[in-house]
PDB file of N, CA and C in Angstrom:
ATOM      1  N   MET A   1      -9.375 -52.572 142.987  1.00  0.00           N
ATOM      2  CA  MET A   1     -10.000 -51.320 142.440  1.00  0.00           C
ATOM      3  C   MET A   1      -9.742 -49.606 142.408  1.00  0.00           C
ATOM      4  N   SER A   2      -9.931 -49.113 141.518  1.00  0.00           N
ATOM      5  CA  SER A   2      -9.056 -47.676 141.735  1.00  0.00           C
ATOM      6  C   SER A   2     -10.717 -47.107 142.463  1.00  0.00           C
ATOM      7  N   LEU A   3      -9.654 -45.582 143.145  1.00  0.00           N
ATOM      8  CA  LEU A   3     -11.278 -44.574 143.762  1.00  0.00           C
ATOM      9  C   LEU A   3     -12.119 -44.228 142.643  1.00  0.00           C
ATOM     10  N   PHE A   4     -11.513 -43.990 140.754  1.00  0.00           N
ATOM     11  CA  PHE A   4     -11.992 -43.431 140.223  1.00  0.00           C
ATOM     12  C   PHE A   4     -13.360 -44.276 139.985  1.00  0.00           C
ATOM     13  N   THR A   5     -12.763 -45.871 139.863  1.00  0.00           N
ATOM     14  CA  THR A   5     -13.802 -46.806 139.317  1.00  0.00           C
ATOM     15  C   THR A   5     -14.833 -46.864 140.232  1.00  0.00           C
ATOM     16  N   ARG A   6     -14.552 -47.250 141.715  1.00  0.00           N
ATOM     17  CA  ARG A   6     -15.778 -46.919 142.675  1.00  0.00           C
ATOM     18  C   ARG A   6     -16.379 -46.097 142.362  1.00  0.00           C
ATOM     19  N   ILE A   7     -16.151 -44.150 141.974  1.00  0.00           N
ATOM     20  CA  ILE A   7     -16.638 -43.175 141.786  1.00  0.00           C
ATOM     21  C   ILE A   7     -17.507 -43.489 140.795  1.00  0.00           C
ATOM     22  N   PHE A   8     -16.923 -44.010 139.362  1.00  0.00           N
ATOM     23  CA  PHE A   8     -17.409 -44.172 138.391  1.00  0.00           C
ATOM     24  C   PHE A   8     -18.993 -44.917 138.642  1.00  0.00           C
ATOM     25  N   ALA A   9     -18.517 -46.424 139.241  1.00  0.00           N
ATOM     26  CA  ALA A   9     -19.876 -47.166 139.290  1.00  0.00           C
ATOM     27  C   ALA A   9     -21.142 -47.059 139.915  1.00  0.00           C
ATOM     28  N   VAL A  10     -20.501 -45.886 141.218  1.00  0.00           N
ATOM     29  CA  VAL A  10     -21.999 -45.797 141.658  1.00  0.00           C
ATOM     30  C   VAL A  10     -22.275 -44.687 141.350  1.00  0.00           C
ATOM     31  N   SER A  11     -21.593 -43.629 140.145  1.00  0.00           N
ATOM     32  CA  SER A  11     -22.576 -42.566 139.907  1.00  0.00           C
ATOM     33  C   SER A  11     -23.486 -42.760 138.788  1.00  0.00           C
ATOM     34  N   ASP A  12     -23.849 -41.793 138.374  1.00  0.00           N
ATOM     35  CA  ASP A  12     -25.065 -42.038 137.255  1.00  0.00           C
ATOM     36  C   ASP A  12     -24.163 -41.765 135.785  1.00  0.00           C
ATOM     37  N   CYS A  13     -22.974 -42.020 135.557  1.00  0.00           N
ATOM     38  CA  CYS A  13     -22.367 -41.434 134.563  1.00  0.00           C
ATOM     39  C   CYS A  13     -22.453 -42.938 133.554  1.00  0.00           C
ATOM     40  N   ASP A  14     -22.654 -42.468 131.963  1.00  0.00           N
ATOM     41  CA  ASP A  14     -22.884 -43.746 131.551  1.00  0.00           C
ATOM     42  C   ASP A  14     -21.201 -43.995 130.836  1.00  0.00           C
ATOM     43  N   ILE A  15     -21.025 -45.455 130.691  1.00  0.00           N
ATOM     44  CA  ILE A  15     -19.551 -45.881 129.951  1.00  0.00           C
ATOM     45  C   ILE A  15     -19.929 -45.344 128.921  1.00  0.00           C
ATOM     46  N   LEU A  16     -20.505 -45.101 128.106  1.00  0.00           N
ATOM     47  CA  LEU A  16     -20.566 -44.570 126.674  1.00  0.00           C
ATOM     48  C   LEU A  16     -19.792 -43.415 126.531  1.00  0.00           C
ATOM     49  N   ASP A  17     -20.458 -42.570 127.254  1.00  0.00           N
ATOM     50  CA  ASP A  17     -20.433 -41.133 127.635  1.00  0.00           C
ATOM     51  C   ASP A  17     -19.041 -40.737 127.987  1.00  0.00           C
ATOM     52  N   PHE A  18     -18.453 -41.977 128.575  1.00  0.00           N
ATOM     53  CA  PHE A  18     -17.284 -41.836 129.154  1.00  0.00           C
ATOM     54  C   PHE A  18     -16.174 -42.073 128.043  1.00  0.00           C
ATOM     55  N   LEU A  19     -16.352 -43.079 127.762  1.00  0.00           N
ATOM     56  CA  LEU A  19     -15.740 -43.372 126.414  1.00  0.00           C
ATOM     57  C   LEU A  19     -15.472 -42.616 124.317  1.00  0.00           C
ATOM     58  N   LEU A  20     -16.845 -42.003 124.716  1.00  0.00           N
ATOM     59  CA  LEU A  20     -16.761 -41.005 123.780  1.00  0.00           C
ATOM     60  C   LEU A  20     -16.136 -39.656 123.924  1.00  0.00           C
ATOM     61  N   SER A  21     -15.952 -39.194 124.959  1.00  0.00           N
ATOM     62  CA  SER A  21     -15.987 -38.360 125.716  1.00  0.00           C
ATOM     63  C   SER A  21     -14.669 -37.690 124.889  1.00  0.00           C
ATOM     64  N   ASP A  22     -13.848 -38.477 125.087  1.00  0.00           N
ATOM     65  CA  ASP A  22     -12.019 -38.012 124.936  1.00  0.00           C
ATOM     66  C   ASP A  22     -11.233 -39.804 124.163  1.00  0.00           C
ATOM     67  N   GLU A  23     -10.212 -39.326 123.546  1.00  0.00           N
ATOM     68  CA  GLU A  23      -9.321 -40.280 122.875  1.00  0.00           C
ATOM     69  C   GLU A  23      -9.900 -41.523 123.825  1.00  0.00           C
ATOM     70  N   GLN A  24      -9.954 -42.944 122.989  1.00  0.00           N
ATOM     71  CA  GLN A  24      -9.570 -43.681 123.663  1.00  0.00           C
ATOM     72  C   GLN A  24      -8.343 -44.686 123.696  1.00  0.00           C
ATOM     73  N   HIS A  25      -7.732 -44.002 124.443  1.00  0.00           N
ATOM     74  CA  HIS A  25      -6.706 -44.560 124.433  1.00  0.00           C
ATOM     75  C   HIS A  25      -6.845 -46.166 125.401  1.00  0.00           C
ATOM     76  N   PRO A  26      -5.281 -46.457 124.862  1.00  0.00           N
ATOM     77  CA  PRO A  26      -5.258 -47.785 125.513  1.00  0.00           C
ATOM     78  C   PRO A  26      -5.315 -47.899 127.051  1.00  0.00           C
ATOM     79  N   LEU A  27      -5.127 -46.576 128.163  1.00  0.00           N
ATOM     80  CA  LEU A  27      -5.359 -46.238 129.305  1.00  0.00           C
ATOM     81  C   LEU A  27      -6.874 -47.028 129.566  1.00  0.00           C
ATOM     82  N   ARG A  28      -7.872 -46.645 128.401  1.00  0.00           N
ATOM     83  CA  ARG A  28      -8.928 -46.833 128.721  1.00  0.00           C
ATOM     84  C   ARG A  28      -9.612 -48.157 128.992  1.00  0.00           C
ATOM     85  N   ARG A  29      -8.448 -48.964 128.300  1.00  0.00           N
ATOM     86  CA  ARG A  29      -9.192 -50.843 128.628  1.00  0.00           C
ATOM     87  C   ARG A  29      -9.309 -51.045 129.532  1.00  0.00           C
ATOM     88  N   ALA A  30      -8.076 -50.359 130.803  1.00  0.00           N
ATOM     89  CA  ALA A  30      -8.248 -51.372 131.662  1.00  0.00           C
ATOM     90  C   ALA A  30      -9.258 -50.478 132.947  1.00  0.00           C
ATOM     91  N   GLN A  31      -9.826 -49.786 132.279  1.00  0.00           N
ATOM     92  CA  GLN A  31     -10.713 -48.504 132.964  1.00  0.00           C
ATOM     93  C   GLN A  31     -12.308 -49.318 132.963  1.00  0.00           C
ATOM     94  N   VAL A  32     -12.060 -49.333 131.707  1.00  0.00           N
ATOM     95  CA  VAL A  32     -13.428 -50.115 131.251  1.00  0.00           C
ATOM     96  C   VAL A  32     -13.333 -51.485 132.036  1.00  0.00           C
ATOM     97  N   ARG A  33     -12.396 -51.962 131.782  1.00  0.00           N
ATOM     98  CA  ARG A  33     -12.252 -53.407 132.605  1.00  0.00           C
ATOM     99  C   ARG A  33     -12.754 -53.726 134.088  1.00  0.00           C
ATOM    100  N   GLN A  34     -12.149 -52.935 134.401  1.00  0.00           N
ATOM    101  CA  GLN A  34     -12.652 -52.209 136.086  1.00  0.00           C
ATOM    102  C   GLN A  34     -13.704 -51.670 136.179  1.00  0.00           C
ATOM    103  N   ILE A  35     -14.557 -50.848 135.580  1.00  0.00           N
ATOM    104  CA  ILE A  35     -15.723 -50.252 136.304  1.00  0.00           C
ATOM    105  C   ILE A  35     -17.021 -51.750 135.405  1.00  0.00           C
ATOM    106  N   LEU A  36     -16.628 -52.147 134.616  1.00  0.00           N
ATOM    107  CA  LEU A  36     -17.417 -53.710 134.485  1.00  0.00           C
ATOM    108  C   LEU A  36     -17.282 -54.285 135.242  1.00  0.00           C
ATOM    109  N   THR A  37     -16.395 -55.082 135.725  1.00  0.00           N
ATOM    110  CA  THR A  37     -16.301 -55.568 137.025  1.00  0.00           C
ATOM    111  C   THR A  37     -17.190 -55.208 137.834  1.00  0.00           C
ATOM    112  N   LEU A  38     -16.395 -54.057 138.575  1.00  0.00           N
ATOM    113  CA  LEU A  38     -17.242 -53.507 139.864  1.00  0.00           C
ATOM    114  C   LEU A  38     -19.005 -53.540 139.535  1.00  0.00           C
ATOM    115  N   MET A  39     -19.305 -52.927 138.466  1.00  0.00           N
ATOM    116  CA  MET A  39     -20.667 -53.016 138.242  1.00  0.00           C
ATOM    117  C   MET A  39     -20.869 -54.362 137.639  1.00  0.00           C
ATOM    118  N   ARG A  40     -20.606 -55.201 137.751  1.00  0.00           N
ATOM    119  CA  ARG A  40     -20.847 -56.574 137.235  1.00  0.00           C
ATOM    120  C   ARG A  40     -21.695 -57.400 138.985  1.00  0.00           C
ATOM    121  N   ASP A  41     -20.787 -56.589 139.671  1.00  0.00           N
ATOM    122  CA  ASP A  41     -20.615 -57.419 141.330  1.00  0.00           C
ATOM    123  C   ASP A  41     -21.561 -56.531 142.066  1.00  0.00           C
ATOM    124  N   THR A  42     -22.518 -55.473 141.785  1.00  0.00           N
ATOM    125  CA  THR A  42     -22.995 -54.250 142.383  1.00  0.00           C
ATOM    126  C   THR A  42     -24.727 -54.116 141.884  1.00  0.00           C
ATOM    127  N   ASN A  43     -24.257 -53.810 140.543  1.00  0.00           N
ATOM    128  CA  ASN A  43     -25.506 -53.699 139.642  1.00  0.00           C
ATOM    129  C   ASN A  43     -25.830 -54.157 138.005  1.00  0.00           C
ATOM    130  N   ARG A  44     -26.226 -55.721 138.407  1.00  0.00           N
ATOM    131  CA  ARG A  44     -26.797 -56.255 136.626  1.00  0.00           C
ATOM    132  C   ARG A  44     -26.889 -55.487 136.084  1.00  0.00           C
ATOM    133  N   PRO A  45     -28.116 -55.170 136.531  1.00  0.00           N
ATOM    134  CA  PRO A  45     -28.916 -54.655 134.924  1.00  0.00           C
ATOM    135  C   PRO A  45     -28.156 -53.852 134.502  1.00  0.00           C
ATOM    136  N   ARG A  46     -27.392 -52.694 134.975  1.00  0.00           N
ATOM    137  CA  ARG A  46     -26.767 -51.683 134.816  1.00  0.00           C
ATOM    138  C   ARG A  46     -25.277 -51.889 134.066  1.00  0.00           C
ATOM    139  N   TYR A  47     -24.764 -53.119 134.511  1.00  0.00           N
ATOM    140  CA  TYR A  47     -23.771 -53.628 133.906  1.00  0.00           C
ATOM    141  C   TYR A  47     -24.394 -54.119 132.677  1.00  0.00           C
ATOM    142  N   LEU A  48     -25.127 -55.023 132.503  1.00  0.00           N
ATOM    143  CA  LEU A  48     -25.471 -55.650 131.573  1.00  0.00           C
ATOM    144  C   LEU A  48     -25.978 -54.790 129.759  1.00  0.00           C
ATOM    145  N   ILE A  49     -26.634 -53.293 130.650  1.00  0.00           N
ATOM    146  CA  ILE A  49     -26.284 -52.549 129.636  1.00  0.00           C
ATOM    147  C   ILE A  49     -25.157 -52.328 128.998  1.00  0.00           C
ATOM    148  N   ALA A  50     -24.491 -51.643 130.217  1.00  0.00           N
ATOM    149  CA  ALA A  50     -23.464 -51.189 129.371  1.00  0.00           C
ATOM    150  C   ALA A  50     -22.699 -51.631 128.441  1.00  0.00           C
ATOM    151  N   LEU A  51     -22.351 -53.458 129.151  1.00  0.00           N
ATOM    152  CA  LEU A  51     -21.483 -54.440 128.142  1.00  0.00           C
ATOM    153  C   LEU A  51     -22.441 -54.146 126.771  1.00  0.00           C
ATOM    154  N   ARG A  52     -23.879 -54.643 126.698  1.00  0.00           N
ATOM    155  CA  ARG A  52     -24.075 -54.541 125.399  1.00  0.00           C
ATOM    156  C   ARG A  52     -23.374 -53.419 124.882  1.00  0.00           C
ATOM    157  N   THR A  53     -23.821 -51.668 125.423  1.00  0.00           N
ATOM    158  CA  THR A  53     -23.269 -50.765 124.761  1.00  0.00           C
ATOM    159  C   THR A  53     -22.144 -50.937 124.309  1.00  0.00           C
ATOM    160  N   VAL A  54     -21.072 -51.298 124.916  1.00  0.00           N
ATOM    161  CA  VAL A  54     -19.696 -51.232 124.929  1.00  0.00           C
ATOM    162  C   VAL A  54     -19.466 -51.941 123.514  1.00  0.00           C
ATOM    163  N   LEU A  55     -19.910 -52.910 123.244  1.00  0.00           N
ATOM    164  CA  LEU A  55     -19.762 -54.056 122.624  1.00  0.00           C
ATOM    165  C   LEU A  55     -20.465 -54.024 121.048  1.00  0.00           C
ATOM    166  N   ALA A  56     -21.609 -52.939 121.134  1.00  0.00           N
ATOM    167  CA  ALA A  56     -22.191 -52.784 120.347  1.00  0.00           C
ATOM    168  C   ALA A  56     -21.950 -51.152 119.329  1.00  0.00           C
ATOM    169  N   HIS A  57     -21.757 -50.657 120.283  1.00  0.00           N
ATOM    170  CA  HIS A  57     -21.502 -49.081 119.619  1.00  0.00           C
ATOM    171  C   HIS A  57     -20.513 -49.001 118.512  1.00  0.00           C
ATOM    172  N   PRO A  58     -20.803 -48.708 117.184  1.00  0.00           N
ATOM    173  CA  PRO A  58     -19.866 -48.417 116.078  1.00  0.00           C
ATOM    174  C   PRO A  58     -18.651 -47.843 116.777  1.00  0.00           C
ATOM    175  N   ASN A  59     -18.508 -46.724 117.051  1.00  0.00           N
ATOM    176  CA  ASN A  59     -17.546 -45.412 117.338  1.00  0.00           C
ATOM    177  C   ASN A  59     -16.747 -45.976 118.806  1.00  0.00           C
ATOM    178  N   ILE A  60     -17.021 -47.010 119.284  1.00  0.00           N
ATOM    179  CA  ILE A  60     -15.779 -47.741 120.388  1.00  0.00           C
ATOM    180  C   ILE A  60     -14.835 -48.542 119.953  1.00  0.00           C
ATOM    181  N   GLN A  61     -13.658 -48.121 119.897  1.00  0.00           N
ATOM    182  CA  GLN A  61     -12.714 -48.830 118.967  1.00  0.00           C
ATOM    183  C   GLN A  61     -12.116 -50.154 119.669  1.00  0.00           C
ATOM    184  N   VAL A  62     -11.861 -50.903 118.246  1.00  0.00           N
ATOM    185  CA  VAL A  62     -11.663 -52.466 118.287  1.00  0.00           C
ATOM    186  C   VAL A  62     -11.103 -52.688 119.178  1.00  0.00           C
ATOM    187  N   HIS A  63      -9.726 -51.977 119.748  1.00  0.00           N
ATOM    188  CA  HIS A  63      -9.233 -52.571 120.974  1.00  0.00           C
ATOM    189  C   HIS A  63      -9.713 -52.394 122.244  1.00  0.00           C
ATOM    190  N   ILE A  64     -10.774 -51.647 122.858  1.00  0.00           N
ATOM    191  CA  ILE A  64     -11.778 -51.772 123.774  1.00  0.00           C
ATOM    192  C   ILE A  64     -12.454 -52.823 123.782  1.00  0.00           C
ATOM    193  N   LYS A  65     -12.877 -53.252 122.511  1.00  0.00           N
ATOM    194  CA  LYS A  65     -14.267 -54.566 122.301  1.00  0.00           C
ATOM    195  C   LYS A  65     -13.221 -55.329 123.156  1.00  0.00           C
ATOM    196  N   HIS A  66     -12.043 -55.909 121.744  1.00  0.00           N
ATOM    197  CA  HIS A  66     -11.738 -56.837 122.271  1.00  0.00           C
ATOM    198  C   HIS A  66     -11.375 -56.700 123.824  1.00  0.00           C
ATOM    199  N   THR A  67     -10.694 -56.144 124.735  1.00  0.00           N
ATOM    200  CA  THR A  67     -10.493 -56.337 125.681  1.00  0.00           C
ATOM    201  C   THR A  67     -11.608 -56.733 126.736  1.00  0.00           C
ATOM    202  N   VAL A  68     -12.610 -56.308 126.359  1.00  0.00           N
ATOM    203  CA  VAL A  68     -14.057 -56.610 126.935  1.00  0.00           C
ATOM    204  C   VAL A  68     -14.484 -58.138 126.951  1.00  0.00           C
ATOM    205  N   VAL A  69     -14.021 -58.251 125.417  1.00  0.00           N
ATOM    206  CA  VAL A  69     -14.490 -60.156 125.561  1.00  0.00           C
ATOM    207  C   VAL A  69     -13.383 -60.847 126.269  1.00  0.00           C
ATOM    208  N   GLN A  70     -12.264 -60.334 126.188  1.00  0.00           N
ATOM    209  CA  GLN A  70     -10.855 -61.299 126.830  1.00  0.00           C
ATOM    210  C   GLN A  70     -11.137 -61.320 127.918  1.00  0.00           C
ATOM    211  N   TRP A  71     -11.217 -60.626 128.500  1.00  0.00           N
ATOM    212  CA  TRP A  71     -11.960 -60.159 129.731  1.00  0.00           C
ATOM    213  C   TRP A  71     -13.532 -60.855 129.957  1.00  0.00           C
ATOM    214  N   LEU A  72     -14.101 -61.265 129.696  1.00  0.00           N
ATOM    215  CA  LEU A  72     -15.371 -62.119 129.733  1.00  0.00           C
ATOM    216  C   LEU A  72     -15.032 -63.563 129.678  1.00  0.00           C
ATOM    217  N   SER A  73     -14.054 -64.041 128.581  1.00  0.00           N
ATOM    218  CA  SER A  73     -13.337 -65.275 128.311  1.00  0.00           C
ATOM    219  C   SER A  73     -12.818 -65.744 129.513  1.00  0.00           C
ATOM    220  N   LYS A  74     -12.243 -64.862 130.423  1.00  0.00           N
ATOM    221  CA  LYS A  74     -11.288 -65.179 131.379  1.00  0.00           C
ATOM    222  C   LYS A  74     -12.243 -65.418 132.265  1.00  0.00           C
ATOM    223  N   LEU A  75     -13.611 -65.103 132.860  1.00  0.00           N
ATOM    224  CA  LEU A  75     -14.515 -65.440 133.756  1.00  0.00           C
ATOM    225  C   LEU A  75     -14.781 -66.898 134.348  1.00  0.00           C
ATOM    226  N   ASP A  76     -14.911 -67.493 135.085  1.00  0.00           N
ATOM    227  CA  ASP A  76     -14.882 -68.660 135.491  1.00  0.00           C
ATOM    228  C   ASP A  76     -16.720 -68.967 135.492  1.00  0.00           C
ATOM    229  N   ASN A  77     -17.734 -67.994 135.397  1.00  0.00           N
ATOM    230  CA  ASN A  77     -18.836 -68.075 135.525  1.00  0.00           C
ATOM    231  C   ASN A  77     -19.808 -67.122 135.050  1.00  0.00           C
ATOM    232  N   ALA A  78     -19.410 -66.801 133.596  1.00  0.00           N
ATOM    233  CA  ALA A  78     -20.104 -66.208 132.845  1.00  0.00           C
ATOM    234  C   ALA A  78     -21.469 -66.596 132.578  1.00  0.00           C
ATOM    235  N   THR A  79     -22.159 -65.195 132.402  1.00  0.00           N
ATOM    236  CA  THR A  79     -23.733 -66.142 132.173  1.00  0.00           C
ATOM    237  C   THR A  79     -24.102 -66.214 131.094  1.00  0.00           C
ATOM    238  N   ARG A  80     -25.558 -66.901 131.067  1.00  0.00           N
ATOM    239  CA  ARG A  80     -26.615 -66.454 129.514  1.00  0.00           C
ATOM    240  C   ARG A  80     -26.487 -65.377 129.318  1.00  0.00           C
ATOM    241  N   ASP A  81     -26.980 -64.494 129.813  1.00  0.00           N
ATOM    242  CA  ASP A  81     -27.030 -62.904 129.840  1.00  0.00           C
ATOM    243  C   ASP A  81     -25.700 -62.693 129.070  1.00  0.00           C
ATOM    244  N   GLU A  82     -24.858 -62.988 129.320  1.00  0.00           N
ATOM    245  CA  GLU A  82     -23.556 -62.094 128.861  1.00  0.00           C
ATOM    246  C   GLU A  82     -23.251 -62.833 127.498  1.00  0.00           C
ATOM    247  N   LEU A  83     -23.153 -64.197 127.633  1.00  0.00           N
ATOM    248  CA  LEU A  83     -22.986 -65.072 126.237  1.00  0.00           C
ATOM    249  C   LEU A  83     -23.813 -64.493 125.142  1.00  0.00           C
ATOM    250  N   SER A  84     -25.753 -64.224 125.503  1.00  0.00           N
ATOM    251  CA  SER A  84     -26.477 -63.324 124.497  1.00  0.00           C
ATOM    252  C   SER A  84     -25.953 -62.310 123.862  1.00  0.00           C
ATOM    253  N   ILE A  85     -25.562 -61.231 124.915  1.00  0.00           N
ATOM    254  CA  ILE A  85     -24.856 -60.075 124.201  1.00  0.00           C
ATOM    255  C   ILE A  85     -23.866 -60.660 123.168  1.00  0.00           C
ATOM    256  N   VAL A  86     -22.808 -61.336 123.595  1.00  0.00           N
ATOM    257  CA  VAL A  86     -21.903 -61.190 122.477  1.00  0.00           C
ATOM    258  C   VAL A  86     -22.236 -61.540 121.591  1.00  0.00           C
ATOM    259  N   LEU A  87     -23.620 -62.761 121.709  1.00  0.00           N
ATOM    260  CA  LEU A  87     -23.660 -63.351 120.347  1.00  0.00           C
ATOM    261  C   LEU A  87     -24.724 -62.453 119.173  1.00  0.00           C
ATOM    262  N   GLN A  88     -25.602 -61.765 120.003  1.00  0.00           N
ATOM    263  CA  GLN A  88     -26.213 -60.661 119.507  1.00  0.00           C
ATOM    264  C   GLN A  88     -25.058 -59.696 119.096  1.00  0.00           C
ATOM    265  N   THR A  89     -24.131 -59.041 119.343  1.00  0.00           N
ATOM    266  CA  THR A  89     -23.288 -58.028 118.899  1.00  0.00           C
ATOM    267  C   THR A  89     -22.310 -58.382 117.815  1.00  0.00           C
ATOM    268  N   ASP A  90     -21.718 -60.271 117.904  1.00  0.00           N
ATOM    269  CA  ASP A  90     -20.817 -60.670 116.847  1.00  0.00           C
ATOM    270  C   ASP A  90     -21.939 -60.973 115.742  1.00  0.00           C
ATOM    271  N   GLY A  91     -21.932 -60.074 114.949  1.00  0.00           N
ATOM    272  CA  GLY A  91     -22.348 -59.554 113.508  1.00  0.00           C
ATOM    273  C   GLY A  91     -21.641 -60.754 112.531  1.00  0.00           C
ATOM    274  N   GLY A  92     -20.768 -61.573 112.842  1.00  0.00           N
ATOM    275  CA  GLY A  92     -19.808 -62.340 111.959  1.00  0.00           C
ATOM    276  C   GLY A  92     -18.788 -61.947 111.128  1.00  0.00           C
ATOM    277  N   GLY A  93     -19.004 -60.749 111.378  1.00  0.00           N
ATOM    278  CA  GLY A  93     -17.719 -59.739 110.491  1.00  0.00           C
ATOM    279  C   GLY A  93     -16.548 -59.862 110.983  1.00  0.00           C
ATOM    280  N   GLU A  94     -15.125 -59.761 110.434  1.00  0.00           N
ATOM    281  CA  GLU A  94     -14.090 -60.126 110.088  1.00  0.00           C
ATOM    282  C   GLU A  94     -13.236 -59.294 110.696  1.00  0.00           C
ATOM    283  N   GLU A  95     -13.929 -58.359 111.854  1.00  0.00           N
ATOM    284  CA  GLU A  95     -13.154 -57.341 113.020  1.00  0.00           C
ATOM    285  C   GLU A  95     -12.736 -58.323 114.319  1.00  0.00           C
ATOM    286  N   PHE A  96     -13.715 -58.852 114.372  1.00  0.00           N
ATOM    287  CA  PHE A  96     -12.996 -59.621 116.085  1.00  0.00           C
ATOM    288  C   PHE A  96     -13.610 -61.005 116.204  1.00  0.00           C
ATOM    289  N   PRO A  97     -14.061 -62.071 115.110  1.00  0.00           N
ATOM    290  CA  PRO A  97     -15.284 -62.746 115.697  1.00  0.00           C
ATOM    291  C   PRO A  97     -14.712 -64.193 116.559  1.00  0.00           C
ATOM    292  N   VAL A  98     -13.216 -64.435 116.371  1.00  0.00           N
ATOM    293  CA  VAL A  98     -13.034 -65.330 117.031  1.00  0.00           C
ATOM    294  C   VAL A  98     -12.240 -65.202 118.441  1.00  0.00           C
ATOM    295  N   PRO A  99     -12.363 -63.624 118.816  1.00  0.00           N
ATOM    296  CA  PRO A  99     -12.707 -63.350 120.482  1.00  0.00           C
ATOM    297  C   PRO A  99     -13.682 -63.688 120.705  1.00  0.00           C
ATOM    298  N   MET A 100     -15.140 -62.999 120.307  1.00  0.00           N
ATOM    299  CA  MET A 100     -16.312 -63.163 120.509  1.00  0.00           C
ATOM    300  C   MET A 100     -16.650 -64.626 120.596  1.00  0.00           C
ATOM    301  N   ARG A 101     -16.094 -65.730 119.553  1.00  0.00           N
ATOM    302  CA  ARG A 101     -16.347 -66.658 120.117  1.00  0.00           C
ATOM    303  C   ARG A 101     -15.620 -67.454 121.005  1.00  0.00           C
ATOM    304  N   LYS A 102     -14.599 -66.759 121.222  1.00  0.00           N
ATOM    305  CA  LYS A 102     -13.930 -67.641 122.455  1.00  0.00           C
ATOM    306  C   LYS A 102     -14.727 -67.528 124.105  1.00  0.00           C
ATOM    307  N   VAL A 103     -15.677 -66.586 124.200  1.00  0.00           N
ATOM    308  CA  VAL A 103     -16.048 -66.541 124.948  1.00  0.00           C
ATOM    309  C   VAL A 103     -17.255 -67.366 125.202  1.00  0.00           C
ATOM    310  N   LEU A 104     -17.686 -68.169 123.919  1.00  0.00           N
ATOM    311  CA  LEU A 104     -18.747 -69.052 124.292  1.00  0.00           C
ATOM    312  C   LEU A 104     -18.242 -70.502 124.448  1.00  0.00           C
ATOM    313  N   PHE A 105     -17.014 -70.434 124.083  1.00  0.00           N
ATOM    314  CA  PHE A 105     -16.256 -72.098 124.241  1.00  0.00           C
ATOM    315  C   PHE A 105     -15.028 -71.941 125.703  1.00  0.00           C
ATOM    316  N   VAL A 106     -14.887 -70.676 125.539  1.00  0.00           N
ATOM    317  CA  VAL A 106     -13.966 -70.967 127.261  1.00  0.00           C
ATOM    318  C   VAL A 106     -15.111 -70.888 128.460  1.00  0.00           C
ATOM    319  N   SER A 107     -15.803 -70.573 128.472  1.00  0.00           N
ATOM    320  CA  SER A 107     -17.209 -69.968 129.721  1.00  0.00           C
ATOM    321  C   SER A 107     -17.783 -71.083 130.086  1.00  0.00           C
ATOM    322  N   LYS A 108     -17.838 -71.388 131.126  1.00  0.00           N
ATOM    323  CA  LYS A 108     -18.462 -72.561 131.801  1.00  0.00           C
ATOM    324  C   LYS A 108     -20.110 -72.198 132.172  1.00  0.00           C
ATOM    325  N   ALA A 109     -20.624 -71.412 131.611  1.00  0.00           N
ATOM    326  CA  ALA A 109     -21.963 -71.153 131.309  1.00  0.00           C
ATOM    327  C   ALA A 109     -22.669 -72.341 130.626  1.00  0.00           C
TER     328      ALA A 109
END
C-alpha cells in the first residue's frame, strides 16, 4: 500500500469528496481500489459506507465503478453485506449490469 493510501484510510477524509474534488482520471482507479482494500481490512463499517457511496453516486464515473466491481468479484471472501450493496446499486440499467452481477456469481459468499 502506498503512503497516500495509508494516510487516507486512517484520516477523516471522505472517498466521495476525494473523487469529486478533481477529475476522475484512470489513476484514481488504483487509488480507490487500494483505499477500499485497506478500509475493508481495518474499518469495516466505514468501508461499507464508502463502497455504497462509490457505487451509487451518479457523479462517480463508470470506469471507477467498474474497477470497484471487478475488484469485488476477485475477492475470495466477499460478504453478504458487500453483495447486498451491489444488488442495491444495480438498478438493472445498461451501464454495467454484467460486471455487477459477476460479483454475485464469482463470489464464494
